[in-house]
Amino acid sequence: MEIPKGHHIFGTVKVGERGQIIIPKEARELFGIKAGDILLVLGDEKWGIAVTKADVLQAHAQEVFQMIEEAGKHED
């Protein structure tokens, strides 16, 4: 199976008794995840769980809010 460029399979992880997982080193290095970083866990009942750095989504959310604000100005 060929994986499209920019997509990755990092392997499997085992969930511990307290629900903890270890993010594979390759993934941590690629995405710049370090000890103490805040991660956001998202879930979709059909597609499953996604984990991302919180600051990544914060930047996108700010862009969306800015577009909403700009659209609102044009409606006045």
Protein backbone atom coordinates (compact mmCIF):
# COMPACT_ATOMS: atom_id res chain seq x y z
CA MET A 1 0.00 0.00 0.00
CA GLU A 2 1.46 3.35 -1.02
CA ILE A 3 0.87 6.18 1.43
CA PRO A 4 0.25 9.59 -0.15
CA LYS A 5 2.90 12.24 0.40
CA GLY A 6 2.35 14.16 3.63
CA HIS A 7 0.47 11.28 5.27
CA HIS A 8 2.08 8.92 7.77
CA ILE A 9 1.48 5.66 9.59
CA PHE A 10 3.56 5.65 12.75
CA GLY A 11 2.62 2.17 13.94
CA THR A 12 0.55 1.09 16.88
CA VAL A 13 0.51 2.12 20.52
CA LYS A 14 -0.85 0.32 23.56
CA VAL A 15 -3.26 2.08 25.92
CA GLY A 16 -2.15 1.79 29.54
CA GLU A 17 -4.41 1.19 32.53
CA ARG A 18 -4.83 4.94 33.04
CA GLY A 19 -5.69 5.56 29.37
CA GLN A 20 -2.24 6.84 28.50
CA ILE A 21 -0.43 6.25 25.21
CA ILE A 22 3.10 7.00 24.09
CA ILE A 23 3.31 9.01 20.89
CA PRO A 24 5.97 7.43 18.69
CA LYS A 25 9.29 9.31 18.56
CA GLU A 26 9.09 9.82 14.79
CA ALA A 27 5.69 11.49 15.16
CA ARG A 28 6.89 13.69 18.04
CA GLU A 29 9.90 14.80 16.01
CA LEU A 30 7.92 15.44 12.83
CA PHE A 31 5.29 17.54 14.61
CA GLY A 32 7.59 19.16 17.16
CA ILE A 33 5.81 17.67 20.17
CA LYS A 34 7.77 18.07 23.39
CA ALA A 35 7.18 17.26 27.05
CA GLY A 36 4.74 19.77 28.51
CA ASP A 37 3.05 20.61 25.19
CA ILE A 38 -0.72 20.87 25.26
CA LEU A 39 -2.48 18.50 22.86
CA LEU A 40 -6.11 18.61 21.79
CA VAL A 41 -7.95 15.31 21.44
CA LEU A 42 -10.83 15.37 18.96
CA GLY A 43 -13.31 12.61 18.29
CA ASP A 44 -15.73 11.65 15.57
CA GLU A 45 -17.97 8.64 16.16
CA LYS A 46 -17.53 7.51 12.56
CA TRP A 47 -13.83 8.32 11.90
CA GLY A 48 -12.30 7.96 15.37
CA ILE A 49 -9.85 10.03 17.38
CA ALA A 50 -7.41 12.71 16.25
CA VAL A 51 -4.69 14.31 18.34
CA THR A 52 -3.11 17.64 17.44
CA LYS A 53 -1.11 20.37 19.10
CA ALA A 54 -3.55 22.86 20.58
CA ASP A 55 -1.74 25.87 19.11
CA VAL A 56 -2.22 24.53 15.57
CA LEU A 57 -6.00 24.57 15.89
CA GLN A 58 -5.93 27.86 17.76
CA ALA A 59 -4.32 29.51 14.74
CA HIS A 60 -6.97 28.04 12.41
CA ALA A 61 -9.78 29.06 14.77
CA GLN A 62 -8.50 32.64 14.78
CA GLU A 63 -8.56 32.65 10.97
CA VAL A 64 -12.15 31.37 10.94
CA PHE A 65 -13.28 33.96 13.51
CA GLN A 66 -11.61 36.69 11.45
CA MET A 67 -13.45 35.55 8.30
CA ILE A 68 -16.77 35.50 10.21
CA GLU A 69 -16.11 39.01 11.50
CA GLU A 70 -15.25 40.27 8.00
CA ALA A 71 -18.38 38.62 6.53
CA GLY A 72 -20.50 40.29 9.20
CA LYS A 73 -19.13 43.72 8.28
CA HIS A 74 -20.26 43.26 4.67
CA GLU A 75 -23.82 42.41 5.75
CA ASP A 76 -24.37 45.78 7.48
